[in-house]
Amino acid sequence: MVAKTEREYKQCIVLRADLKLSKGKAAVQAAHAAILSYERAPLHDRRIWKEQGQKKVALKVPSLPALYRVRDDAERAGLPCAIVEDAGLTEIPPGTVTALGIGPARADELDTLTQRLALL
């Protein structure tokens, strides 16, 4: 539980809906996004996020340009983020951009950025 004086932290995982990935493939791409963006977050934010239970939200965008717009907005806001490019060993061609991880970061900052995105 988050103390009333402490801000809530979370992580957002954004997947491309247009790729029509299998559930397993989508789960793996989301895991890659979570780890990559976690590694880019400040240690302080990572610590608080872990103490608060590692809250994550899975979201979707309709296309690659939409994913890049969210990434660009995250970078402008100074939020840690990472794009996932698939190795191409199973369902999709090598180098296909599949997902975006943002955070962990303050939930209010992420909400401002992602409030218009649909849940996965």
PDB file of N, CA and C in Angstrom:
ATOM      1  N   MET A   1       0.834  -1.175   0.000  1.00  0.00           N
ATOM      2  CA  MET A   1       0.000   0.000   0.000  1.00  0.00           C
ATOM      3  C   MET A   1       0.885   1.248   0.000  1.00  0.00           C
ATOM      4  N   VAL A   2       0.499   2.255  -0.732  1.00  0.00           N
ATOM      5  CA  VAL A   2       1.252   3.494  -0.851  1.00  0.00           C
ATOM      6  C   VAL A   2       0.848   4.431   0.277  1.00  0.00           C
ATOM      7  N   ALA A   3       1.843   4.945   1.021  1.00  0.00           N
ATOM      8  CA  ALA A   3       1.554   5.918   2.072  1.00  0.00           C
ATOM      9  C   ALA A   3       0.969   7.177   1.449  1.00  0.00           C
ATOM     10  N   LYS A   4       0.110   7.855   2.195  1.00  0.00           N
ATOM     11  CA  LYS A   4      -0.555   9.042   1.647  1.00  0.00           C
ATOM     12  C   LYS A   4       0.423  10.134   1.245  1.00  0.00           C
ATOM     13  N   THR A   5       1.589  10.155   1.863  1.00  0.00           N
ATOM     14  CA  THR A   5       2.578  11.181   1.537  1.00  0.00           C
ATOM     15  C   THR A   5       3.486  10.768   0.385  1.00  0.00           C
ATOM     16  N   GLU A   6       3.397   9.512  -0.022  1.00  0.00           N
ATOM     17  CA  GLU A   6       4.275   9.007  -1.077  1.00  0.00           C
ATOM     18  C   GLU A   6       3.497   8.871  -2.389  1.00  0.00           C
ATOM     19  N   ARG A   7       4.114   9.281  -3.469  1.00  0.00           N
ATOM     20  CA  ARG A   7       3.473   9.177  -4.785  1.00  0.00           C
ATOM     21  C   ARG A   7       3.514   7.736  -5.278  1.00  0.00           C
ATOM     22  N   GLU A   8       2.494   7.386  -6.039  1.00  0.00           N
ATOM     23  CA  GLU A   8       2.414   6.050  -6.614  1.00  0.00           C
ATOM     24  C   GLU A   8       3.302   5.970  -7.861  1.00  0.00           C
ATOM     25  N   TYR A   9       3.949   4.832  -8.017  1.00  0.00           N
ATOM     26  CA  TYR A   9       4.783   4.564  -9.187  1.00  0.00           C
ATOM     27  C   TYR A   9       4.204   3.382  -9.949  1.00  0.00           C
ATOM     28  N   LYS A  10       4.418   3.374 -11.257  1.00  0.00           N
ATOM     29  CA  LYS A  10       3.990   2.248 -12.077  1.00  0.00           C
ATOM     30  C   LYS A  10       4.815   2.202 -13.346  1.00  0.00           C
ATOM     31  N   GLN A  11       4.551   1.181 -14.128  1.00  0.00           N
ATOM     32  CA  GLN A  11       5.210   0.999 -15.420  1.00  0.00           C
ATOM     33  C   GLN A  11       4.122   0.740 -16.454  1.00  0.00           C
ATOM     34  N   CYS A  12       4.294   1.285 -17.644  1.00  0.00           N
ATOM     35  CA  CYS A  12       3.345   1.059 -18.738  1.00  0.00           C
ATOM     36  C   CYS A  12       4.033   0.270 -19.847  1.00  0.00           C
ATOM     37  N   ILE A  13       3.334  -0.725 -20.335  1.00  0.00           N
ATOM     38  CA  ILE A  13       3.798  -1.528 -21.452  1.00  0.00           C
ATOM     39  C   ILE A  13       2.809  -1.302 -22.590  1.00  0.00           C
ATOM     40  N   VAL A  14       3.321  -0.889 -23.743  1.00  0.00           N
ATOM     41  CA  VAL A  14       2.465  -0.565 -24.885  1.00  0.00           C
ATOM     42  C   VAL A  14       2.807  -1.511 -26.036  1.00  0.00           C
ATOM     43  N   LEU A  15       1.793  -2.223 -26.517  1.00  0.00           N
ATOM     44  CA  LEU A  15       1.977  -3.168 -27.620  1.00  0.00           C
ATOM     45  C   LEU A  15       1.238  -2.697 -28.865  1.00  0.00           C
ATOM     46  N   ARG A  16       1.764  -3.076 -30.011  1.00  0.00           N
ATOM     47  CA  ARG A  16       1.120  -2.758 -31.294  1.00  0.00           C
ATOM     48  C   ARG A  16      -0.004  -3.747 -31.582  1.00  0.00           C
ATOM     49  N   ALA A  17      -1.226  -3.243 -31.714  1.00  0.00           N
ATOM     50  CA  ALA A  17      -2.383  -4.094 -31.994  1.00  0.00           C
ATOM     51  C   ALA A  17      -2.399  -4.575 -33.438  1.00  0.00           C
ATOM     52  N   ASP A  18      -1.801  -3.808 -34.335  1.00  0.00           N
ATOM     53  CA  ASP A  18      -1.853  -4.154 -35.760  1.00  0.00           C
ATOM     54  C   ASP A  18      -1.055  -5.405 -36.110  1.00  0.00           C
ATOM     55  N   LEU A  19      -0.156  -5.826 -35.248  1.00  0.00           N
ATOM     56  CA  LEU A  19       0.663  -7.006 -35.545  1.00  0.00           C
ATOM     57  C   LEU A  19      -0.081  -8.313 -35.305  1.00  0.00           C
ATOM     58  N   LYS A  20      -1.155  -8.261 -34.545  1.00  0.00           N
ATOM     59  CA  LYS A  20      -1.959  -9.468 -34.267  1.00  0.00           C
ATOM     60  C   LYS A  20      -1.083 -10.620 -33.759  1.00  0.00           C
ATOM     61  N   LEU A  21      -0.244 -10.317 -32.770  1.00  0.00           N
ATOM     62  CA  LEU A  21       0.647 -11.317 -32.191  1.00  0.00           C
ATOM     63  C   LEU A  21      -0.154 -12.363 -31.420  1.00  0.00           C
ATOM     64  N   SER A  22       0.362 -13.584 -31.373  1.00  0.00           N
ATOM     65  CA  SER A  22      -0.252 -14.597 -30.512  1.00  0.00           C
ATOM     66  C   SER A  22      -0.120 -14.132 -29.064  1.00  0.00           C
ATOM     67  N   LYS A  23      -0.903 -14.719 -28.176  1.00  0.00           N
ATOM     68  CA  LYS A  23      -0.843 -14.322 -26.764  1.00  0.00           C
ATOM     69  C   LYS A  23       0.545 -14.552 -26.184  1.00  0.00           C
ATOM     70  N   GLY A  24       1.137 -15.675 -26.537  1.00  0.00           N
ATOM     71  CA  GLY A  24       2.473 -15.969 -26.030  1.00  0.00           C
ATOM     72  C   GLY A  24       3.514 -14.987 -26.531  1.00  0.00           C
ATOM     73  N   LYS A  25       3.465 -14.678 -27.821  1.00  0.00           N
ATOM     74  CA  LYS A  25       4.415 -13.731 -28.409  1.00  0.00           C
ATOM     75  C   LYS A  25       4.230 -12.350 -27.789  1.00  0.00           C
ATOM     76  N   ALA A  26       2.981 -11.926 -27.612  1.00  0.00           N
ATOM     77  CA  ALA A  26       2.709 -10.622 -26.999  1.00  0.00           C
ATOM     78  C   ALA A  26       3.247 -10.575 -25.569  1.00  0.00           C
ATOM     79  N   ALA A  27       3.079 -11.671 -24.831  1.00  0.00           N
ATOM     80  CA  ALA A  27       3.578 -11.722 -23.457  1.00  0.00           C
ATOM     81  C   ALA A  27       5.096 -11.581 -23.417  1.00  0.00           C
ATOM     82  N   VAL A  28       5.771 -12.245 -24.331  1.00  0.00           N
ATOM     83  CA  VAL A  28       7.235 -12.176 -24.375  1.00  0.00           C
ATOM     84  C   VAL A  28       7.699 -10.767 -24.751  1.00  0.00           C
ATOM     85  N   GLN A  29       7.048 -10.149 -25.719  1.00  0.00           N
ATOM     86  CA  GLN A  29       7.423  -8.792 -26.121  1.00  0.00           C
ATOM     87  C   GLN A  29       7.175  -7.811 -24.978  1.00  0.00           C
ATOM     88  N   ALA A  30       6.080  -8.004 -24.245  1.00  0.00           N
ATOM     89  CA  ALA A  30       5.793  -7.157 -23.082  1.00  0.00           C
ATOM     90  C   ALA A  30       6.869  -7.335 -22.014  1.00  0.00           C
ATOM     91  N   ALA A  31       7.311  -8.569 -21.813  1.00  0.00           N
ATOM     92  CA  ALA A  31       8.370  -8.825 -20.833  1.00  0.00           C
ATOM     93  C   ALA A  31       9.667  -8.129 -21.234  1.00  0.00           C
ATOM     94  N   HIS A  32      10.010  -8.195 -22.509  1.00  0.00           N
ATOM     95  CA  HIS A  32      11.202  -7.480 -22.985  1.00  0.00           C
ATOM     96  C   HIS A  32      11.071  -5.981 -22.710  1.00  0.00           C
ATOM     97  N   ALA A  33       9.917  -5.413 -23.022  1.00  0.00           N
ATOM     98  CA  ALA A  33       9.698  -3.977 -22.821  1.00  0.00           C
ATOM     99  C   ALA A  33       9.817  -3.607 -21.347  1.00  0.00           C
ATOM    100  N   ALA A  34       9.262  -4.449 -20.477  1.00  0.00           N
ATOM    101  CA  ALA A  34       9.308  -4.178 -19.042  1.00  0.00           C
ATOM    102  C   ALA A  34      10.746  -4.149 -18.531  1.00  0.00           C
ATOM    103  N   ILE A  35      11.529  -5.130 -18.930  1.00  0.00           N
ATOM    104  CA  ILE A  35      12.912  -5.203 -18.452  1.00  0.00           C
ATOM    105  C   ILE A  35      13.753  -4.068 -19.023  1.00  0.00           C
ATOM    106  N   LEU A  36      13.627  -3.824 -20.317  1.00  0.00           N
ATOM    107  CA  LEU A  36      14.448  -2.779 -20.945  1.00  0.00           C
ATOM    108  C   LEU A  36      14.171  -1.396 -20.359  1.00  0.00           C
ATOM    109  N   SER A  37      12.909  -1.061 -20.154  1.00  0.00           N
ATOM    110  CA  SER A  37      12.621   0.273 -19.612  1.00  0.00           C
ATOM    111  C   SER A  37      12.971   0.342 -18.124  1.00  0.00           C
ATOM    112  N   TYR A  38      12.800  -0.752 -17.397  1.00  0.00           N
ATOM    113  CA  TYR A  38      13.204  -0.803 -15.989  1.00  0.00           C
ATOM    114  C   TYR A  38      14.690  -0.474 -15.853  1.00  0.00           C
ATOM    115  N   GLU A  39      15.499  -1.052 -16.725  1.00  0.00           N
ATOM    116  CA  GLU A  39      16.944  -0.833 -16.652  1.00  0.00           C
ATOM    117  C   GLU A  39      17.330   0.614 -16.934  1.00  0.00           C
ATOM    118  N   ARG A  40      16.464   1.374 -17.590  1.00  0.00           N
ATOM    119  CA  ARG A  40      16.756   2.776 -17.904  1.00  0.00           C
ATOM    120  C   ARG A  40      16.229   3.745 -16.847  1.00  0.00           C
ATOM    121  N   ALA A  41      15.463   3.235 -15.901  1.00  0.00           N
ATOM    122  CA  ALA A  41      14.878   4.094 -14.868  1.00  0.00           C
ATOM    123  C   ALA A  41      15.907   4.402 -13.779  1.00  0.00           C
ATOM    124  N   PRO A  42      15.792   5.573 -13.159  1.00  0.00           N
ATOM    125  CA  PRO A  42      16.686   5.900 -12.045  1.00  0.00           C
ATOM    126  C   PRO A  42      16.532   4.887 -10.904  1.00  0.00           C
ATOM    127  N   LEU A  43      17.617   4.612 -10.202  1.00  0.00           N
ATOM    128  CA  LEU A  43      17.587   3.642  -9.103  1.00  0.00           C
ATOM    129  C   LEU A  43      16.536   3.997  -8.061  1.00  0.00           C
ATOM    130  N   HIS A  44      16.397   5.269  -7.748  1.00  0.00           N
ATOM    131  CA  HIS A  44      15.408   5.720  -6.764  1.00  0.00           C
ATOM    132  C   HIS A  44      13.999   5.307  -7.185  1.00  0.00           C
ATOM    133  N   ASP A  45      13.652   5.533  -8.435  1.00  0.00           N
ATOM    134  CA  ASP A  45      12.322   5.185  -8.940  1.00  0.00           C
ATOM    135  C   ASP A  45      12.122   3.670  -8.955  1.00  0.00           C
ATOM    136  N   ARG A  46      13.153   2.943  -9.328  1.00  0.00           N
ATOM    137  CA  ARG A  46      13.073   1.485  -9.346  1.00  0.00           C
ATOM    138  C   ARG A  46      12.826   0.945  -7.945  1.00  0.00           C
ATOM    139  N   ARG A  47      13.520   1.500  -6.961  1.00  0.00           N
ATOM    140  CA  ARG A  47      13.374   1.033  -5.581  1.00  0.00           C
ATOM    141  C   ARG A  47      11.952   1.259  -5.076  1.00  0.00           C
ATOM    142  N   ILE A  48      11.450   2.477  -5.267  1.00  0.00           N
ATOM    143  CA  ILE A  48      10.090   2.786  -4.801  1.00  0.00           C
ATOM    144  C   ILE A  48       9.070   1.895  -5.503  1.00  0.00           C
ATOM    145  N   TRP A  49       9.201   1.751  -6.803  1.00  0.00           N
ATOM    146  CA  TRP A  49       8.276   0.931  -7.587  1.00  0.00           C
ATOM    147  C   TRP A  49       8.256  -0.507  -7.074  1.00  0.00           C
ATOM    148  N   LYS A  50       9.429  -1.063  -6.782  1.00  0.00           N
ATOM    149  CA  LYS A  50       9.485  -2.426  -6.261  1.00  0.00           C
ATOM    150  C   LYS A  50       8.836  -2.509  -4.884  1.00  0.00           C
ATOM    151  N   GLU A  51       9.091  -1.516  -4.041  1.00  0.00           N
ATOM    152  CA  GLU A  51       8.489  -1.495  -2.704  1.00  0.00           C
ATOM    153  C   GLU A  51       6.966  -1.397  -2.773  1.00  0.00           C
ATOM    154  N   GLN A  52       6.458  -0.766  -3.820  1.00  0.00           N
ATOM    155  CA  GLN A  52       5.013  -0.583  -3.970  1.00  0.00           C
ATOM    156  C   GLN A  52       4.336  -1.751  -4.695  1.00  0.00           C
ATOM    157  N   GLY A  53       5.071  -2.778  -5.062  1.00  0.00           N
ATOM    158  CA  GLY A  53       4.464  -3.956  -5.664  1.00  0.00           C
ATOM    159  C   GLY A  53       4.595  -4.079  -7.170  1.00  0.00           C
ATOM    160  N   GLN A  54       5.405  -3.216  -7.790  1.00  0.00           N
ATOM    161  CA  GLN A  54       5.717  -3.309  -9.225  1.00  0.00           C
ATOM    162  C   GLN A  54       4.476  -3.222 -10.115  1.00  0.00           C
ATOM    163  N   LYS A  55       3.628  -2.239  -9.881  1.00  0.00           N
ATOM    164  CA  LYS A  55       2.406  -2.068 -10.676  1.00  0.00           C
ATOM    165  C   LYS A  55       2.747  -1.851 -12.147  1.00  0.00           C
ATOM    166  N   LYS A  56       1.998  -2.571 -13.004  1.00  0.00           N
ATOM    167  CA  LYS A  56       2.162  -2.448 -14.461  1.00  0.00           C
ATOM    168  C   LYS A  56       0.797  -2.290 -15.103  1.00  0.00           C
ATOM    169  N   VAL A  57       0.759  -1.583 -16.218  1.00  0.00           N
ATOM    170  CA  VAL A  57      -0.459  -1.436 -17.004  1.00  0.00           C
ATOM    171  C   VAL A  57      -0.113  -1.797 -18.442  1.00  0.00           C
ATOM    172  N   ALA A  58      -0.903  -2.690 -19.047  1.00  0.00           N
ATOM    173  CA  ALA A  58      -0.694  -3.096 -20.438  1.00  0.00           C
ATOM    174  C   ALA A  58      -1.662  -2.326 -21.331  1.00  0.00           C
ATOM    175  N   LEU A  59      -1.098  -1.648 -22.321  1.00  0.00           N
ATOM    176  CA  LEU A  59      -1.864  -0.788 -23.219  1.00  0.00           C
ATOM    177  C   LEU A  59      -1.597  -1.180 -24.664  1.00  0.00           C
ATOM    178  N   LYS A  60      -2.384  -0.622 -25.579  1.00  0.00           N
ATOM    179  CA  LYS A  60      -2.154  -0.914 -26.995  1.00  0.00           C
ATOM    180  C   LYS A  60      -2.314   0.346 -27.827  1.00  0.00           C
ATOM    181  N   VAL A  61      -1.629   0.325 -28.956  1.00  0.00           N
ATOM    182  CA  VAL A  61      -1.755   1.375 -29.970  1.00  0.00           C
ATOM    183  C   VAL A  61      -2.078   0.686 -31.291  1.00  0.00           C
ATOM    184  N   PRO A  62      -2.684   1.409 -32.234  1.00  0.00           N
ATOM    185  CA  PRO A  62      -3.111   0.775 -33.478  1.00  0.00           C
ATOM    186  C   PRO A  62      -2.015   0.559 -34.518  1.00  0.00           C
ATOM    187  N   SER A  63      -0.846   1.221 -34.340  1.00  0.00           N
ATOM    188  CA  SER A  63       0.139   1.188 -35.427  1.00  0.00           C
ATOM    189  C   SER A  63       1.533   1.546 -34.931  1.00  0.00           C
ATOM    190  N   LEU A  64       2.511   1.331 -35.804  1.00  0.00           N
ATOM    191  CA  LEU A  64       3.888   1.723 -35.501  1.00  0.00           C
ATOM    192  C   LEU A  64       4.026   3.232 -35.330  1.00  0.00           C
ATOM    193  N   PRO A  65       3.460   4.063 -36.218  1.00  0.00           N
ATOM    194  CA  PRO A  65       3.573   5.510 -35.998  1.00  0.00           C
ATOM    195  C   PRO A  65       2.990   5.947 -34.647  1.00  0.00           C
ATOM    196  N   ALA A  66       1.900   5.312 -34.233  1.00  0.00           N
ATOM    197  CA  ALA A  66       1.303   5.649 -32.937  1.00  0.00           C
ATOM    198  C   ALA A  66       2.245   5.273 -31.796  1.00  0.00           C
ATOM    199  N   LEU A  67       2.922   4.131 -31.920  1.00  0.00           N
ATOM    200  CA  LEU A  67       3.880   3.712 -30.896  1.00  0.00           C
ATOM    201  C   LEU A  67       5.030   4.709 -30.808  1.00  0.00           C
ATOM    202  N   TYR A  68       5.537   5.138 -31.962  1.00  0.00           N
ATOM    203  CA  TYR A  68       6.624   6.115 -31.970  1.00  0.00           C
ATOM    204  C   TYR A  68       6.182   7.455 -31.380  1.00  0.00           C
ATOM    205  N   ARG A  69       4.927   7.847 -31.602  1.00  0.00           N
ATOM    206  CA  ARG A  69       4.435   9.102 -31.006  1.00  0.00           C
ATOM    207  C   ARG A  69       4.448   9.023 -29.482  1.00  0.00           C
ATOM    208  N   VAL A  70       4.018   7.886 -28.948  1.00  0.00           N
ATOM    209  CA  VAL A  70       4.028   7.708 -27.493  1.00  0.00           C
ATOM    210  C   VAL A  70       5.463   7.722 -26.983  1.00  0.00           C
ATOM    211  N   ARG A  71       6.353   7.023 -27.677  1.00  0.00           N
ATOM    212  CA  ARG A  71       7.767   7.024 -27.280  1.00  0.00           C
ATOM    213  C   ARG A  71       8.347   8.436 -27.299  1.00  0.00           C
ATOM    214  N   ASP A  72       8.066   9.187 -28.360  1.00  0.00           N
ATOM    215  CA  ASP A  72       8.575  10.557 -28.465  1.00  0.00           C
ATOM    216  C   ASP A  72       8.048  11.427 -27.332  1.00  0.00           C
ATOM    217  N   ASP A  73       6.769  11.273 -26.999  1.00  0.00           N
ATOM    218  CA  ASP A  73       6.181  12.029 -25.890  1.00  0.00           C
ATOM    219  C   ASP A  73       6.843  11.653 -24.568  1.00  0.00           C
ATOM    220  N   ALA A  74       7.117  10.365 -24.371  1.00  0.00           N
ATOM    221  CA  ALA A  74       7.782   9.908 -23.149  1.00  0.00           C
ATOM    222  C   ALA A  74       9.181  10.502 -23.043  1.00  0.00           C
ATOM    223  N   GLU A  75       9.910  10.497 -24.139  1.00  0.00           N
ATOM    224  CA  GLU A  75      11.257  11.067 -24.126  1.00  0.00           C
ATOM    225  C   GLU A  75      11.222  12.564 -23.838  1.00  0.00           C
ATOM    226  N   ARG A  76      10.273  13.275 -24.456  1.00  0.00           N
ATOM    227  CA  ARG A  76      10.147  14.720 -24.187  1.00  0.00           C
ATOM    228  C   ARG A  76       9.830  14.992 -22.720  1.00  0.00           C
ATOM    229  N   ALA A  77       9.078  14.089 -22.104  1.00  0.00           N
ATOM    230  CA  ALA A  77       8.711  14.239 -20.694  1.00  0.00           C
ATOM    231  C   ALA A  77       9.833  13.786 -19.761  1.00  0.00           C
ATOM    232  N   GLY A  78      10.907  13.253 -20.326  1.00  0.00           N
ATOM    233  CA  GLY A  78      12.032  12.798 -19.513  1.00  0.00           C
ATOM    234  C   GLY A  78      11.794  11.464 -18.824  1.00  0.00           C
ATOM    235  N   LEU A  79      10.863  10.675 -19.359  1.00  0.00           N
ATOM    236  CA  LEU A  79      10.550   9.381 -18.756  1.00  0.00           C
ATOM    237  C   LEU A  79      11.418   8.280 -19.365  1.00  0.00           C
ATOM    238  N   PRO A  80      11.844   7.317 -18.545  1.00  0.00           N
ATOM    239  CA  PRO A  80      12.631   6.211 -19.082  1.00  0.00           C
ATOM    240  C   PRO A  80      11.752   5.348 -19.982  1.00  0.00           C
ATOM    241  N   CYS A  81      12.267   5.019 -21.144  1.00  0.00           N
ATOM    242  CA  CYS A  81      11.472   4.205 -22.070  1.00  0.00           C
ATOM    243  C   CYS A  81      12.400   3.396 -22.962  1.00  0.00           C
ATOM    244  N   ALA A  82      11.821   2.339 -23.548  1.00  0.00           N
ATOM    245  CA  ALA A  82      12.602   1.473 -24.428  1.00  0.00           C
ATOM    246  C   ALA A  82      11.690   0.826 -25.457  1.00  0.00           C
ATOM    247  N   ILE A  83      12.156   0.827 -26.686  1.00  0.00           N
ATOM    248  CA  ILE A  83      11.477   0.174 -27.806  1.00  0.00           C
ATOM    249  C   ILE A  83      11.997  -1.260 -27.926  1.00  0.00           C
ATOM    250  N   VAL A  84      11.110  -2.189 -28.256  1.00  0.00           N
ATOM    251  CA  VAL A  84      11.492  -3.587 -28.464  1.00  0.00           C
ATOM    252  C   VAL A  84      11.438  -3.898 -29.955  1.00  0.00           C
ATOM    253  N   GLU A  85      12.532  -4.452 -30.469  1.00  0.00           N
ATOM    254  CA  GLU A  85      12.593  -4.944 -31.850  1.00  0.00           C
ATOM    255  C   GLU A  85      12.752  -6.456 -31.793  1.00  0.00           C
ATOM    256  N   ASP A  86      11.880  -7.164 -32.479  1.00  0.00           N
ATOM    257  CA  ASP A  86      11.888  -8.621 -32.440  1.00  0.00           C
ATOM    258  C   ASP A  86      13.065  -9.194 -33.230  1.00  0.00           C
ATOM    259  N   ALA A  87      13.559 -10.328 -32.763  1.00  0.00           N
ATOM    260  CA  ALA A  87      14.669 -11.005 -33.439  1.00  0.00           C
ATOM    261  C   ALA A  87      14.216 -11.728 -34.704  1.00  0.00           C
ATOM    262  N   GLY A  88      12.921 -11.942 -34.855  1.00  0.00           N
ATOM    263  CA  GLY A  88      12.404 -12.550 -36.076  1.00  0.00           C
ATOM    264  C   GLY A  88      12.550 -14.054 -36.155  1.00  0.00           C
ATOM    265  N   LEU A  89      12.610 -14.719 -35.027  1.00  0.00           N
ATOM    266  CA  LEU A  89      12.812 -16.170 -35.036  1.00  0.00           C
ATOM    267  C   LEU A  89      11.513 -16.968 -35.111  1.00  0.00           C
ATOM    268  N   THR A  90      10.369 -16.310 -34.895  1.00  0.00           N
ATOM    269  CA  THR A  90       9.117 -17.078 -34.871  1.00  0.00           C
ATOM    270  C   THR A  90       8.045 -16.475 -35.779  1.00  0.00           C
ATOM    271  N   GLU A  91       7.278 -15.523 -35.286  1.00  0.00           N
ATOM    272  CA  GLU A  91       6.063 -15.073 -35.972  1.00  0.00           C
ATOM    273  C   GLU A  91       6.224 -13.890 -36.919  1.00  0.00           C
ATOM    274  N   ILE A  92       7.201 -13.057 -36.685  1.00  0.00           N
ATOM    275  CA  ILE A  92       7.305 -11.802 -37.436  1.00  0.00           C
ATOM    276  C   ILE A  92       8.731 -11.599 -37.945  1.00  0.00           C
ATOM    277  N   PRO A  93       8.907 -10.746 -38.954  1.00  0.00           N
ATOM    278  CA  PRO A  93      10.236 -10.529 -39.527  1.00  0.00           C
ATOM    279  C   PRO A  93      11.219  -9.893 -38.530  1.00  0.00           C
ATOM    280  N   PRO A  94      12.508 -10.168 -38.699  1.00  0.00           N
ATOM    281  CA  PRO A  94      13.525  -9.563 -37.840  1.00  0.00           C
ATOM    282  C   PRO A  94      13.447  -8.041 -37.894  1.00  0.00           C
ATOM    283  N   GLY A  95      13.656  -7.423 -36.735  1.00  0.00           N
ATOM    284  CA  GLY A  95      13.672  -5.970 -36.659  1.00  0.00           C
ATOM    285  C   GLY A  95      12.309  -5.320 -36.522  1.00  0.00           C
ATOM    286  N   THR A  96      11.238  -6.123 -36.502  1.00  0.00           N
ATOM    287  CA  THR A  96       9.900  -5.556 -36.333  1.00  0.00           C
ATOM    288  C   THR A  96       9.779  -4.937 -34.945  1.00  0.00           C
ATOM    289  N   VAL A  97       9.374  -3.683 -34.889  1.00  0.00           N
ATOM    290  CA  VAL A  97       9.148  -3.007 -33.608  1.00  0.00           C
ATOM    291  C   VAL A  97       7.802  -3.478 -33.074  1.00  0.00           C
ATOM    292  N   THR A  98       7.816  -4.047 -31.874  1.00  0.00           N
ATOM    293  CA  THR A  98       6.616  -4.679 -31.319  1.00  0.00           C
ATOM    294  C   THR A  98       6.029  -3.975 -30.109  1.00  0.00           C
ATOM    295  N   ALA A  99       6.873  -3.358 -29.297  1.00  0.00           N
ATOM    296  CA  ALA A  99       6.402  -2.876 -27.999  1.00  0.00           C
ATOM    297  C   ALA A  99       7.243  -1.707 -27.507  1.00  0.00           C
ATOM    298  N   LEU A 100       6.700  -1.064 -26.493  1.00  0.00           N
ATOM    299  CA  LEU A 100       7.357   0.056 -25.821  1.00  0.00           C
ATOM    300  C   LEU A 100       7.151  -0.106 -24.328  1.00  0.00           C
ATOM    301  N   GLY A 101       8.215   0.021 -23.570  1.00  0.00           N
ATOM    302  CA  GLY A 101       8.111   0.070 -22.115  1.00  0.00           C
ATOM    303  C   GLY A 101       8.369   1.490 -21.658  1.00  0.00           C
ATOM    304  N   ILE A 102       7.595   1.956 -20.693  1.00  0.00           N
ATOM    305  CA  ILE A 102       7.790   3.286 -20.116  1.00  0.00           C
ATOM    306  C   ILE A 102       7.776   3.136 -18.601  1.00  0.00           C
ATOM    307  N   GLY A 103       8.815   3.652 -17.960  1.00  0.00           N
ATOM    308  CA  GLY A 103       8.895   3.593 -16.510  1.00  0.00           C
ATOM    309  C   GLY A 103       9.644   2.347 -16.057  1.00  0.00           C
ATOM    310  N   PRO A 104       9.663   2.167 -14.746  1.00  0.00           N
ATOM    311  CA  PRO A 104       8.818   2.752 -13.732  1.00  0.00           C
ATOM    312  C   PRO A 104       9.074   4.245 -13.528  1.00  0.00           C
ATOM    313  N   ALA A 105       7.963   4.920 -13.250  1.00  0.00           N
ATOM    314  CA  ALA A 105       7.987   6.361 -13.011  1.00  0.00           C
ATOM    315  C   ALA A 105       6.730   6.715 -12.221  1.00  0.00           C
ATOM    316  N   ARG A 106       6.639   7.971 -11.844  1.00  0.00           N
ATOM    317  CA  ARG A 106       5.457   8.414 -11.102  1.00  0.00           C
ATOM    318  C   ARG A 106       4.199   8.170 -11.927  1.00  0.00           C
ATOM    319  N   ALA A 107       3.195   7.610 -11.303  1.00  0.00           N
ATOM    320  CA  ALA A 107       1.956   7.257 -11.997  1.00  0.00           C
ATOM    321  C   ALA A 107       1.285   8.474 -12.609  1.00  0.00           C
ATOM    322  N   ASP A 108       1.323   9.606 -11.925  1.00  0.00           N
ATOM    323  CA  ASP A 108       0.656  10.794 -12.473  1.00  0.00           C
ATOM    324  C   ASP A 108       1.326  11.253 -13.762  1.00  0.00           C
ATOM    325  N   GLU A 109       2.635  11.113 -13.851  1.00  0.00           N
ATOM    326  CA  GLU A 109       3.342  11.482 -15.080  1.00  0.00           C
ATOM    327  C   GLU A 109       2.998  10.518 -16.214  1.00  0.00           C
ATOM    328  N   LEU A 110       2.932   9.234 -15.903  1.00  0.00           N
ATOM    329  CA  LEU A 110       2.577   8.243 -16.919  1.00  0.00           C
ATOM    330  C   LEU A 110       1.122   8.394 -17.355  1.00  0.00           C
ATOM    331  N   ASP A 111       0.248   8.693 -16.414  1.00  0.00           N
ATOM    332  CA  ASP A 111      -1.170   8.859 -16.748  1.00  0.00           C
ATOM    333  C   ASP A 111      -1.378  10.008 -17.725  1.00  0.00           C
ATOM    334  N   THR A 112      -0.662  11.096 -17.522  1.00  0.00           N
ATOM    335  CA  THR A 112      -0.759  12.235 -18.432  1.00  0.00           C
ATOM    336  C   THR A 112      -0.392  11.812 -19.852  1.00  0.00           C
ATOM    337  N   LEU A 113       0.598  10.975 -19.956  1.00  0.00           N
ATOM    338  CA  LEU A 113       1.102  10.523 -21.255  1.00  0.00           C
ATOM    339  C   LEU A 113       0.214   9.462 -21.908  1.00  0.00           C
ATOM    340  N   THR A 114      -0.369   8.583 -21.109  1.00  0.00           N
ATOM    341  CA  THR A 114      -1.034   7.398 -21.663  1.00  0.00           C
ATOM    342  C   THR A 114      -2.548   7.378 -21.486  1.00  0.00           C
ATOM    343  N   GLN A 115      -3.129   8.430 -20.954  1.00  0.00           N
ATOM    344  CA  GLN A 115      -4.557   8.401 -20.605  1.00  0.00           C
ATOM    345  C   GLN A 115      -5.481   8.120 -21.785  1.00  0.00           C
ATOM    346  N   ARG A 116      -5.058   8.410 -22.991  1.00  0.00           N
ATOM    347  CA  ARG A 116      -5.911   8.184 -24.167  1.00  0.00           C
ATOM    348  C   ARG A 116      -5.700   6.814 -24.816  1.00  0.00           C
ATOM    349  N   LEU A 117      -4.758   6.048 -24.303  1.00  0.00           N
ATOM    350  CA  LEU A 117      -4.494   4.729 -24.881  1.00  0.00           C
ATOM    351  C   LEU A 117      -5.463   3.691 -24.320  1.00  0.00           C
ATOM    352  N   ALA A 118      -5.806   2.711 -25.146  1.00  0.00           N
ATOM    353  CA  ALA A 118      -6.712   1.642 -24.729  1.00  0.00           C
ATOM    354  C   ALA A 118      -5.947   0.567 -23.965  1.00  0.00           C
ATOM    355  N   LEU A 119      -6.638  -0.054 -23.011  1.00  0.00           N
ATOM    356  CA  LEU A 119      -6.062  -1.197 -22.321  1.00  0.00           C
ATOM    357  C   LEU A 119      -5.921  -2.353 -23.304  1.00  0.00           C
ATOM    358  N   LEU A 120      -4.897  -3.155 -23.101  1.00  0.00           N
ATOM    359  CA  LEU A 120      -4.650  -4.298 -23.982  1.00  0.00           C
ATOM    360  C   LEU A 120      -5.723  -5.358 -23.787  1.00  0.00           C
TER     361      LEU A 120
END
